[in-house]
């Protein structure tokens, strides 16, 4: 999977289309990601003790990694990702459109 934790992504399909966010978690085996503040669901919780109150929490749910594209840090537009060998001989992620390192 070419998307990693901490990457800034834009959603290209679904109910959150056009929204951007930062990847919180990557689920490699399921090919899914969790993006901060997107694809949320409400979870109702009961009060555990008398001093606590019940509440409604908004939880970011995972969605398929193919529904997002990485944002190029140079052009601030969506881009595909490729790999190249860097100057130090290591594999580096590169934006396809602008050729900048990600």
PDB file of N, CA and C in Angstrom:
ATOM      1  N   UNK A   1       0.845  -1.174   0.000  1.00  0.00           N
ATOM      2  CA  UNK A   1       0.000   0.000   0.000  1.00  0.00           C
ATOM      3  C   UNK A   1       0.893   1.240   0.000  1.00  0.00           C
ATOM      4  N   UNK A   2       0.571   2.191  -0.845  1.00  0.00           N
ATOM      5  CA  UNK A   2       1.416   3.370  -1.009  1.00  0.00           C
ATOM      6  C   UNK A   2       1.075   4.508  -0.058  1.00  0.00           C
ATOM      7  N   UNK A   3      -0.062   4.415   0.627  1.00  0.00           N
ATOM      8  CA  UNK A   3      -0.469   5.457   1.574  1.00  0.00           C
ATOM      9  C   UNK A   3      -0.003   5.057   2.961  1.00  0.00           C
ATOM     10  N   UNK A   4       0.545   6.032   3.692  1.00  0.00           N
ATOM     11  CA  UNK A   4       1.075   5.764   5.028  1.00  0.00           C
ATOM     12  C   UNK A   4       0.446   6.689   6.059  1.00  0.00           C
ATOM     13  N   UNK A   5       0.616   6.350   7.312  1.00  0.00           N
ATOM     14  CA  UNK A   5       0.109   7.154   8.411  1.00  0.00           C
ATOM     15  C   UNK A   5       0.751   8.542   8.360  1.00  0.00           C
ATOM     16  N   UNK A   6      -0.071   9.581   8.515  1.00  0.00           N
ATOM     17  CA  UNK A   6       0.430  10.949   8.500  1.00  0.00           C
ATOM     18  C   UNK A   6       0.346  11.633   7.145  1.00  0.00           C
ATOM     19  N   UNK A   7       0.012  10.884   6.084  1.00  0.00           N
ATOM     20  CA  UNK A   7      -0.134  11.473   4.749  1.00  0.00           C
ATOM     21  C   UNK A   7      -1.393  12.314   4.683  1.00  0.00           C
ATOM     22  N   UNK A   8      -1.330  13.400   3.924  1.00  0.00           N
ATOM     23  CA  UNK A   8      -2.507  14.220   3.690  1.00  0.00           C
ATOM     24  C   UNK A   8      -3.160  13.723   2.411  1.00  0.00           C
ATOM     25  N   UNK A   9      -4.459  13.376   2.500  1.00  0.00           N
ATOM     26  CA  UNK A   9      -5.160  12.775   1.371  1.00  0.00           C
ATOM     27  C   UNK A   9      -6.454  13.531   1.078  1.00  0.00           C
ATOM     28  N   UNK A  10      -6.973  13.325  -0.138  1.00  0.00           N
ATOM     29  CA  UNK A  10      -8.267  13.856  -0.546  1.00  0.00           C
ATOM     30  C   UNK A  10      -9.144  12.681  -0.958  1.00  0.00           C
ATOM     31  N   UNK A  11     -10.410  12.733  -0.572  1.00  0.00           N
ATOM     32  CA  UNK A  11     -11.347  11.661  -0.902  1.00  0.00           C
ATOM     33  C   UNK A  11     -11.881  11.917  -2.310  1.00  0.00           C
ATOM     34  N   UNK A  12     -11.820  10.895  -3.181  1.00  0.00           N
ATOM     35  CA  UNK A  12     -12.243  11.061  -4.572  1.00  0.00           C
ATOM     36  C   UNK A  12     -13.605  10.426  -4.872  1.00  0.00           C
ATOM     37  N   UNK A  13     -14.124   9.561  -4.002  1.00  0.00           N
ATOM     38  CA  UNK A  13     -15.449   8.976  -4.192  1.00  0.00           C
ATOM     39  C   UNK A  13     -16.151   8.837  -2.854  1.00  0.00           C
ATOM     40  N   UNK A  14     -17.467   8.731  -2.894  1.00  0.00           N
ATOM     41  CA  UNK A  14     -18.239   8.491  -1.679  1.00  0.00           C
ATOM     42  C   UNK A  14     -18.883   9.739  -1.126  1.00  0.00           C
ATOM     43  N   UNK A  15     -19.453   9.622   0.056  1.00  0.00           N
ATOM     44  CA  UNK A  15     -20.204  10.733   0.648  1.00  0.00           C
ATOM     45  C   UNK A  15     -19.308  11.896   1.075  1.00  0.00           C
ATOM     46  N   UNK A  16     -18.024  11.642   1.318  1.00  0.00           N
ATOM     47  CA  UNK A  16     -17.088  12.689   1.726  1.00  0.00           C
ATOM     48  C   UNK A  16     -16.232  13.177   0.565  1.00  0.00           C
ATOM     49  N   UNK A  17     -16.699  13.022  -0.661  1.00  0.00           N
ATOM     50  CA  UNK A  17     -15.930  13.385  -1.856  1.00  0.00           C
ATOM     51  C   UNK A  17     -15.504  14.858  -1.810  1.00  0.00           C
ATOM     52  N   UNK A  18     -14.215  15.088  -2.069  1.00  0.00           N
ATOM     53  CA  UNK A  18     -13.671  16.440  -2.094  1.00  0.00           C
ATOM     54  C   UNK A  18     -13.090  16.899  -0.766  1.00  0.00           C
ATOM     55  N   UNK A  19     -13.345  16.188   0.307  1.00  0.00           N
ATOM     56  CA  UNK A  19     -12.830  16.564   1.619  1.00  0.00           C
ATOM     57  C   UNK A  19     -11.406  16.048   1.794  1.00  0.00           C
ATOM     58  N   UNK A  20     -10.622  16.775   2.586  1.00  0.00           N
ATOM     59  CA  UNK A  20      -9.246  16.366   2.836  1.00  0.00           C
ATOM     60  C   UNK A  20      -9.059  16.053   4.311  1.00  0.00           C
ATOM     61  N   UNK A  21      -8.023  15.281   4.591  1.00  0.00           N
ATOM     62  CA  UNK A  21      -7.706  14.935   5.966  1.00  0.00           C
ATOM     63  C   UNK A  21      -6.381  14.211   6.051  1.00  0.00           C
ATOM     64  N   UNK A  22      -5.974  13.927   7.281  1.00  0.00           N
ATOM     65  CA  UNK A  22      -4.705  13.245   7.542  1.00  0.00           C
ATOM     66  C   UNK A  22      -4.997  11.798   7.920  1.00  0.00           C
ATOM     67  N   UNK A  23      -4.226  10.882   7.386  1.00  0.00           N
ATOM     68  CA  UNK A  23      -4.415   9.452   7.661  1.00  0.00           C
ATOM     69  C   UNK A  23      -3.997   9.171   9.103  1.00  0.00           C
ATOM     70  N   UNK A  24      -4.934   8.623   9.886  1.00  0.00           N
ATOM     71  CA  UNK A  24      -4.659   8.262  11.283  1.00  0.00           C
ATOM     72  C   UNK A  24      -4.122   6.850  11.414  1.00  0.00           C
ATOM     73  N   UNK A  25      -4.693   5.922  10.610  1.00  0.00           N
ATOM     74  CA  UNK A  25      -4.352   4.510  10.756  1.00  0.00           C
ATOM     75  C   UNK A  25      -4.469   3.823   9.407  1.00  0.00           C
ATOM     76  N   UNK A  26      -3.607   2.854   9.175  1.00  0.00           N
ATOM     77  CA  UNK A  26      -3.629   2.075   7.935  1.00  0.00           C
ATOM     78  C   UNK A  26      -3.829   0.609   8.298  1.00  0.00           C
ATOM     79  N   UNK A  27      -4.849  -0.002   7.697  1.00  0.00           N
ATOM     80  CA  UNK A  27      -5.135  -1.417   7.901  1.00  0.00           C
ATOM     81  C   UNK A  27      -4.703  -2.142   6.626  1.00  0.00           C
ATOM     82  N   UNK A  28      -3.480  -2.653   6.611  1.00  0.00           N
ATOM     83  CA  UNK A  28      -2.871  -3.185   5.404  1.00  0.00           C
ATOM     84  C   UNK A  28      -3.592  -4.423   4.891  1.00  0.00           C
ATOM     85  N   UNK A  29      -3.920  -5.361   5.761  1.00  0.00           N
ATOM     86  CA  UNK A  29      -4.532  -6.615   5.327  1.00  0.00           C
ATOM     87  C   UNK A  29      -5.897  -6.396   4.681  1.00  0.00           C
ATOM     88  N   UNK A  30      -6.656  -5.423   5.160  1.00  0.00           N
ATOM     89  CA  UNK A  30      -7.978  -5.148   4.609  1.00  0.00           C
ATOM     90  C   UNK A  30      -7.951  -4.086   3.520  1.00  0.00           C
ATOM     91  N   UNK A  31      -6.787  -3.472   3.254  1.00  0.00           N
ATOM     92  CA  UNK A  31      -6.618  -2.393   2.276  1.00  0.00           C
ATOM     93  C   UNK A  31      -7.549  -1.223   2.601  1.00  0.00           C
ATOM     94  N   UNK A  32      -7.595  -0.859   3.876  1.00  0.00           N
ATOM     95  CA  UNK A  32      -8.459   0.218   4.343  1.00  0.00           C
ATOM     96  C   UNK A  32      -7.641   1.215   5.146  1.00  0.00           C
ATOM     97  N   UNK A  33      -8.158   2.452   5.219  1.00  0.00           N
ATOM     98  CA  UNK A  33      -7.496   3.493   6.002  1.00  0.00           C
ATOM     99  C   UNK A  33      -8.530   4.241   6.826  1.00  0.00           C
ATOM    100  N   UNK A  34      -8.056   4.891   7.892  1.00  0.00           N
ATOM    101  CA  UNK A  34      -8.890   5.753   8.723  1.00  0.00           C
ATOM    102  C   UNK A  34      -8.348   7.163   8.575  1.00  0.00           C
ATOM    103  N   UNK A  35      -9.220   8.075   8.135  1.00  0.00           N
ATOM    104  CA  UNK A  35      -8.832   9.470   7.939  1.00  0.00           C
ATOM    105  C   UNK A  35      -9.496  10.302   9.029  1.00  0.00           C
ATOM    106  N   UNK A  36      -8.726  11.170   9.637  1.00  0.00           N
ATOM    107  CA  UNK A  36      -9.190  11.983  10.753  1.00  0.00           C
ATOM    108  C   UNK A  36     -10.393  12.855  10.357  1.00  0.00           C
ATOM    109  N   UNK A  37     -11.531  12.654  11.043  1.00  0.00           N
ATOM    110  CA  UNK A  37     -12.720  13.475  10.850  1.00  0.00           C
ATOM    111  C   UNK A  37     -13.583  13.118   9.648  1.00  0.00           C
ATOM    112  N   UNK A  38     -13.243  12.078   8.910  1.00  0.00           N
ATOM    113  CA  UNK A  38     -14.036  11.688   7.743  1.00  0.00           C
ATOM    114  C   UNK A  38     -14.634  10.308   7.948  1.00  0.00           C
ATOM    115  N   UNK A  39     -15.761  10.060   7.262  1.00  0.00           N
ATOM    116  CA  UNK A  39     -16.484   8.790   7.350  1.00  0.00           C
ATOM    117  C   UNK A  39     -16.814   8.460   8.809  1.00  0.00           C
ATOM    118  N   UNK A  40     -17.446   9.407   9.490  1.00  0.00           N
ATOM    119  CA  UNK A  40     -17.732   9.246  10.911  1.00  0.00           C
ATOM    120  C   UNK A  40     -19.074   8.553  11.133  1.00  0.00           C
ATOM    121  N   UNK A  41     -19.156   7.888  12.276  1.00  0.00           N
ATOM    122  CA  UNK A  41     -20.414   7.291  12.707  1.00  0.00           C
ATOM    123  C   UNK A  41     -20.608   7.658  14.171  1.00  0.00           C
ATOM    124  N   UNK A  42     -21.864   7.733  14.583  1.00  0.00           N
ATOM    125  CA  UNK A  42     -22.161   8.096  15.964  1.00  0.00           C
ATOM    126  C   UNK A  42     -22.304   6.844  16.804  1.00  0.00           C
ATOM    127  N   UNK A  43     -21.655   6.852  17.957  1.00  0.00           N
ATOM    128  CA  UNK A  43     -21.681   5.727  18.876  1.00  0.00           C
ATOM    129  C   UNK A  43     -22.280   6.222  20.186  1.00  0.00           C
ATOM    130  N   UNK A  44     -23.393   5.620  20.609  1.00  0.00           N
ATOM    131  CA  UNK A  44     -24.048   5.999  21.858  1.00  0.00           C
ATOM    132  C   UNK A  44     -23.488   5.139  22.985  1.00  0.00           C
ATOM    133  N   UNK A  45     -23.044   5.787  24.068  1.00  0.00           N
ATOM    134  CA  UNK A  45     -22.498   5.049  25.206  1.00  0.00           C
ATOM    135  C   UNK A  45     -23.346   5.309  26.448  1.00  0.00           C
ATOM    136  N   UNK A  46     -23.470   4.276  27.263  1.00  0.00           N
ATOM    137  CA  UNK A  46     -24.190   4.409  28.527  1.00  0.00           C
ATOM    138  C   UNK A  46     -23.257   4.917  29.603  1.00  0.00           C
ATOM    139  N   UNK A  47     -23.830   5.445  30.658  1.00  0.00           N
ATOM    140  CA  UNK A  47     -23.045   5.865  31.804  1.00  0.00           C
ATOM    141  C   UNK A  47     -22.527   4.629  32.527  1.00  0.00           C
ATOM    142  N   UNK A  48     -21.226   4.610  32.830  1.00  0.00           N
ATOM    143  CA  UNK A  48     -20.642   3.459  33.500  1.00  0.00           C
ATOM    144  C   UNK A  48     -20.870   3.494  34.997  1.00  0.00           C
ATOM    145  N   UNK A  49     -20.702   4.655  35.582  1.00  0.00           N
ATOM    146  CA  UNK A  49     -20.893   4.836  37.016  1.00  0.00           C
ATOM    147  C   UNK A  49     -21.883   5.974  37.220  1.00  0.00           C
ATOM    148  N   UNK A  50     -22.278   6.195  38.454  1.00  0.00           N
ATOM    149  CA  UNK A  50     -23.230   7.272  38.726  1.00  0.00           C
ATOM    150  C   UNK A  50     -22.633   8.647  38.434  1.00  0.00           C
ATOM    151  N   UNK A  51     -21.320   8.780  38.588  1.00  0.00           N
ATOM    152  CA  UNK A  51     -20.680  10.078  38.360  1.00  0.00           C
ATOM    153  C   UNK A  51     -20.501  10.382  36.865  1.00  0.00           C
ATOM    154  N   UNK A  52     -20.547   9.333  36.032  1.00  0.00           N
ATOM    155  CA  UNK A  52     -20.377   9.536  34.587  1.00  0.00           C
ATOM    156  C   UNK A  52     -21.729   9.773  33.919  1.00  0.00           C
ATOM    157  N   UNK A  53     -21.686  10.381  32.737  1.00  0.00           N
ATOM    158  CA  UNK A  53     -22.892  10.597  31.959  1.00  0.00           C
ATOM    159  C   UNK A  53     -22.791   9.820  30.656  1.00  0.00           C
ATOM    160  N   UNK A  54     -23.946   9.453  30.123  1.00  0.00           N
ATOM    161  CA  UNK A  54     -23.974   8.845  28.804  1.00  0.00           C
ATOM    162  C   UNK A  54     -23.648   9.908  27.771  1.00  0.00           C
ATOM    163  N   UNK A  55     -23.090   9.490  26.645  1.00  0.00           N
ATOM    164  CA  UNK A  55     -22.705  10.474  25.639  1.00  0.00           C
ATOM    165  C   UNK A  55     -22.789   9.880  24.238  1.00  0.00           C
ATOM    166  N   UNK A  56     -22.712  10.764  23.261  1.00  0.00           N
ATOM    167  CA  UNK A  56     -22.701  10.347  21.868  1.00  0.00           C
ATOM    168  C   UNK A  56     -21.330  10.708  21.310  1.00  0.00           C
ATOM    169  N   UNK A  57     -20.584   9.703  20.877  1.00  0.00           N
ATOM    170  CA  UNK A  57     -19.246   9.915  20.339  1.00  0.00           C
ATOM    171  C   UNK A  57     -19.277   9.790  18.823  1.00  0.00           C
ATOM    172  N   UNK A  58     -18.504  10.610  18.133  1.00  0.00           N
ATOM    173  CA  UNK A  58     -18.344  10.477  16.683  1.00  0.00           C
ATOM    174  C   UNK A  58     -17.020   9.775  16.432  1.00  0.00           C
ATOM    175  N   UNK A  59     -17.074   8.614  15.802  1.00  0.00           N
ATOM    176  CA  UNK A  59     -15.896   7.790  15.572  1.00  0.00           C
ATOM    177  C   UNK A  59     -15.618   7.742  14.071  1.00  0.00           C
ATOM    178  N   UNK A  60     -14.357   7.976  13.693  1.00  0.00           N
ATOM    179  CA  UNK A  60     -13.954   7.869  12.289  1.00  0.00           C
ATOM    180  C   UNK A  60     -13.828   6.395  11.940  1.00  0.00           C
ATOM    181  N   UNK A  61     -14.558   5.974  10.914  1.00  0.00           N
ATOM    182  CA  UNK A  61     -14.559   4.577  10.489  1.00  0.00           C
ATOM    183  C   UNK A  61     -13.625   4.395   9.293  1.00  0.00           C
ATOM    184  N   UNK A  62     -13.076   3.186   9.129  1.00  0.00           N
ATOM    185  CA  UNK A  62     -12.190   2.956   7.991  1.00  0.00           C
ATOM    186  C   UNK A  62     -12.963   2.862   6.678  1.00  0.00           C
ATOM    187  N   UNK A  63     -12.327   3.281   5.589  1.00  0.00           N
ATOM    188  CA  UNK A  63     -12.876   3.056   4.265  1.00  0.00           C
ATOM    189  C   UNK A  63     -11.770   2.649   3.319  1.00  0.00           C
ATOM    190  N   UNK A  64     -12.153   2.197   2.137  1.00  0.00           N
ATOM    191  CA  UNK A  64     -11.200   1.590   1.222  1.00  0.00           C
ATOM    192  C   UNK A  64     -10.140   2.590   0.773  1.00  0.00           C
ATOM    193  N   UNK A  65      -8.906   2.124   0.700  1.00  0.00           N
ATOM    194  CA  UNK A  65      -7.780   2.996   0.347  1.00  0.00           C
ATOM    195  C   UNK A  65      -7.845   3.457  -1.101  1.00  0.00           C
ATOM    196  N   UNK A  66      -8.601   2.757  -1.944  1.00  0.00           N
ATOM    197  CA  UNK A  66      -8.712   3.173  -3.342  1.00  0.00           C
ATOM    198  C   UNK A  66      -9.614   4.388  -3.513  1.00  0.00           C
ATOM    199  N   UNK A  67     -10.317   4.793  -2.463  1.00  0.00           N
ATOM    200  CA  UNK A  67     -11.206   5.951  -2.534  1.00  0.00           C
ATOM    201  C   UNK A  67     -10.492   7.261  -2.247  1.00  0.00           C
ATOM    202  N   UNK A  68      -9.188   7.233  -1.981  1.00  0.00           N
ATOM    203  CA  UNK A  68      -8.454   8.460  -1.684  1.00  0.00           C
ATOM    204  C   UNK A  68      -7.226   8.573  -2.575  1.00  0.00           C
ATOM    205  N   UNK A  69      -6.747   9.815  -2.728  1.00  0.00           N
ATOM    206  CA  UNK A  69      -5.502  10.072  -3.436  1.00  0.00           C
ATOM    207  C   UNK A  69      -4.657  10.995  -2.578  1.00  0.00           C
ATOM    208  N   UNK A  70      -3.363  10.836  -2.677  1.00  0.00           N
ATOM    209  CA  UNK A  70      -2.430  11.644  -1.911  1.00  0.00           C
ATOM    210  C   UNK A  70      -2.409  13.069  -2.454  1.00  0.00           C
ATOM    211  N   UNK A  71      -2.201  14.043  -1.576  1.00  0.00           N
ATOM    212  CA  UNK A  71      -2.069  15.439  -1.988  1.00  0.00           C
ATOM    213  C   UNK A  71      -0.586  15.744  -2.134  1.00  0.00           C
ATOM    214  N   UNK A  72      -0.211  16.270  -3.303  1.00  0.00           N
ATOM    215  CA  UNK A  72       1.174  16.631  -3.594  1.00  0.00           C
ATOM    216  C   UNK A  72       1.545  17.847  -2.751  1.00  0.00           C
ATOM    217  N   UNK A  73       2.623  17.787  -1.953  1.00  0.00           N
ATOM    218  CA  UNK A  73       2.982  18.921  -1.102  1.00  0.00           C
ATOM    219  C   UNK A  73       3.412  20.156  -1.890  1.00  0.00           C
ATOM    220  N   UNK A  74       3.873  19.967  -3.108  1.00  0.00           N
ATOM    221  CA  UNK A  74       4.347  21.099  -3.919  1.00  0.00           C
ATOM    222  C   UNK A  74       3.191  21.833  -4.601  1.00  0.00           C
ATOM    223  N   UNK A  75       2.320  21.091  -5.293  1.00  0.00           N
ATOM    224  CA  UNK A  75       1.239  21.708  -6.057  1.00  0.00           C
ATOM    225  C   UNK A  75      -0.081  21.785  -5.306  1.00  0.00           C
ATOM    226  N   UNK A  76      -0.195  21.083  -4.190  1.00  0.00           N
ATOM    227  CA  UNK A  76      -1.418  21.023  -3.367  1.00  0.00           C
ATOM    228  C   UNK A  76      -2.605  20.428  -4.124  1.00  0.00           C
ATOM    229  N   UNK A  77      -2.327  19.565  -5.119  1.00  0.00           N
ATOM    230  CA  UNK A  77      -3.367  18.882  -5.870  1.00  0.00           C
ATOM    231  C   UNK A  77      -3.205  17.382  -5.688  1.00  0.00           C
ATOM    232  N   UNK A  78      -4.261  16.627  -6.033  1.00  0.00           N
ATOM    233  CA  UNK A  78      -4.201  15.175  -5.905  1.00  0.00           C
ATOM    234  C   UNK A  78      -3.237  14.602  -6.925  1.00  0.00           C
ATOM    235  N   UNK A  79      -2.539  13.546  -6.526  1.00  0.00           N
ATOM    236  CA  UNK A  79      -1.559  12.938  -7.405  1.00  0.00           C
ATOM    237  C   UNK A  79      -1.452  11.450  -7.144  1.00  0.00           C
ATOM    238  N   UNK A  80      -0.931  10.740  -8.129  1.00  0.00           N
ATOM    239  CA  UNK A  80      -0.610   9.334  -7.944  1.00  0.00           C
ATOM    240  C   UNK A  80       0.807   9.241  -7.393  1.00  0.00           C
ATOM    241  N   UNK A  81       1.155   8.065  -6.886  1.00  0.00           N
ATOM    242  CA  UNK A  81       2.445   7.879  -6.236  1.00  0.00           C
ATOM    243  C   UNK A  81       3.259   6.858  -7.009  1.00  0.00           C
ATOM    244  N   UNK A  82       4.546   7.136  -7.157  1.00  0.00           N
ATOM    245  CA  UNK A  82       5.461   6.192  -7.765  1.00  0.00           C
ATOM    246  C   UNK A  82       6.689   6.050  -6.888  1.00  0.00           C
ATOM    247  N   UNK A  83       7.591   5.198  -7.289  1.00  0.00           N
ATOM    248  CA  UNK A  83       8.820   4.989  -6.531  1.00  0.00           C
ATOM    249  C   UNK A  83      10.030   5.214  -7.429  1.00  0.00           C
ATOM    250  N   UNK A  84      11.097   5.767  -6.827  1.00  0.00           N
ATOM    251  CA  UNK A  84      12.370   5.934  -7.503  1.00  0.00           C
ATOM    252  C   UNK A  84      13.477   5.600  -6.521  1.00  0.00           C
ATOM    253  N   UNK A  85      14.665   5.410  -7.049  1.00  0.00           N
ATOM    254  CA  UNK A  85      15.842   5.219  -6.206  1.00  0.00           C
ATOM    255  C   UNK A  85      16.437   6.592  -5.930  1.00  0.00           C
ATOM    256  N   UNK A  86      16.572   6.937  -4.644  1.00  0.00           N
ATOM    257  CA  UNK A  86      17.095   8.236  -4.257  1.00  0.00           C
ATOM    258  C   UNK A  86      18.599   8.315  -4.390  1.00  0.00           C
ATOM    259  N   UNK A  87      19.157   9.477  -4.046  1.00  0.00           N
ATOM    260  CA  UNK A  87      20.596   9.712  -4.145  1.00  0.00           C
ATOM    261  C   UNK A  87      21.391   8.806  -3.211  1.00  0.00           C
ATOM    262  N   UNK A  88      20.793   8.458  -2.091  1.00  0.00           N
ATOM    263  CA  UNK A  88      21.479   7.593  -1.126  1.00  0.00           C
ATOM    264  C   UNK A  88      21.269   6.107  -1.425  1.00  0.00           C
ATOM    265  N   UNK A  89      20.574   5.791  -2.533  1.00  0.00           N
ATOM    266  CA  UNK A  89      20.373   4.406  -2.929  1.00  0.00           C
ATOM    267  C   UNK A  89      19.147   3.750  -2.331  1.00  0.00           C
ATOM    268  N   UNK A  90      18.318   4.510  -1.605  1.00  0.00           N
ATOM    269  CA  UNK A  90      17.113   3.959  -0.999  1.00  0.00           C
ATOM    270  C   UNK A  90      15.899   4.261  -1.873  1.00  0.00           C
ATOM    271  N   UNK A  91      14.872   3.456  -1.714  1.00  0.00           N
ATOM    272  CA  UNK A  91      13.629   3.623  -2.443  1.00  0.00           C
ATOM    273  C   UNK A  91      12.855   4.803  -1.849  1.00  0.00           C
ATOM    274  N   UNK A  92      12.402   5.729  -2.709  1.00  0.00           N
ATOM    275  CA  UNK A  92      11.738   6.951  -2.261  1.00  0.00           C
ATOM    276  C   UNK A  92      10.399   7.089  -2.964  1.00  0.00           C
ATOM    277  N   UNK A  93       9.363   7.524  -2.235  1.00  0.00           N
ATOM    278  CA  UNK A  93       8.063   7.795  -2.843  1.00  0.00           C
ATOM    279  C   UNK A  93       8.117   9.129  -3.571  1.00  0.00           C
ATOM    280  N   UNK A  94       7.538   9.175  -4.777  1.00  0.00           N
ATOM    281  CA  UNK A  94       7.597  10.364  -5.612  1.00  0.00           C
ATOM    282  C   UNK A  94       6.204  10.641  -6.169  1.00  0.00           C
ATOM    283  N   UNK A  95       5.815  11.937  -6.215  1.00  0.00           N
ATOM    284  CA  UNK A  95       4.561  12.328  -6.848  1.00  0.00           C
ATOM    285  C   UNK A  95       4.714  12.216  -8.354  1.00  0.00           C
ATOM    286  N   UNK A  96       3.759  11.559  -9.021  1.00  0.00           N
ATOM    287  CA  UNK A  96       3.857  11.316 -10.456  1.00  0.00           C
ATOM    288  C   UNK A  96       3.812  12.606 -11.282  1.00  0.00           C
ATOM    289  N   UNK A  97       2.967  13.574 -10.907  1.00  0.00           N
ATOM    290  CA  UNK A  97       2.797  14.776 -11.722  1.00  0.00           C
ATOM    291  C   UNK A  97       3.973  15.731 -11.598  1.00  0.00           C
ATOM    292  N   UNK A  98       4.422  16.000 -10.381  1.00  0.00           N
ATOM    293  CA  UNK A  98       5.468  17.012 -10.207  1.00  0.00           C
ATOM    294  C   UNK A  98       6.857  16.425  -9.998  1.00  0.00           C
ATOM    295  N   UNK A  99       6.943  15.154  -9.632  1.00  0.00           N
ATOM    296  CA  UNK A  99       8.229  14.513  -9.425  1.00  0.00           C
ATOM    297  C   UNK A  99       8.884  14.838  -8.096  1.00  0.00           C
ATOM    298  N   UNK A 100       8.125  15.446  -7.155  1.00  0.00           N
ATOM    299  CA  UNK A 100       8.706  15.782  -5.852  1.00  0.00           C
ATOM    300  C   UNK A 100       8.660  14.593  -4.903  1.00  0.00           C
ATOM    301  N   UNK A 101       9.606  14.548  -3.988  1.00  0.00           N
ATOM    302  CA  UNK A 101       9.625  13.488  -2.968  1.00  0.00           C
ATOM    303  C   UNK A 101       8.505  13.723  -1.972  1.00  0.00           C
ATOM    304  N   UNK A 102       7.928  12.610  -1.540  1.00  0.00           N
ATOM    305  CA  UNK A 102       6.840  12.706  -0.554  1.00  0.00           C
ATOM    306  C   UNK A 102       7.319  12.090   0.740  1.00  0.00           C
TER     307      UNK A 102
END
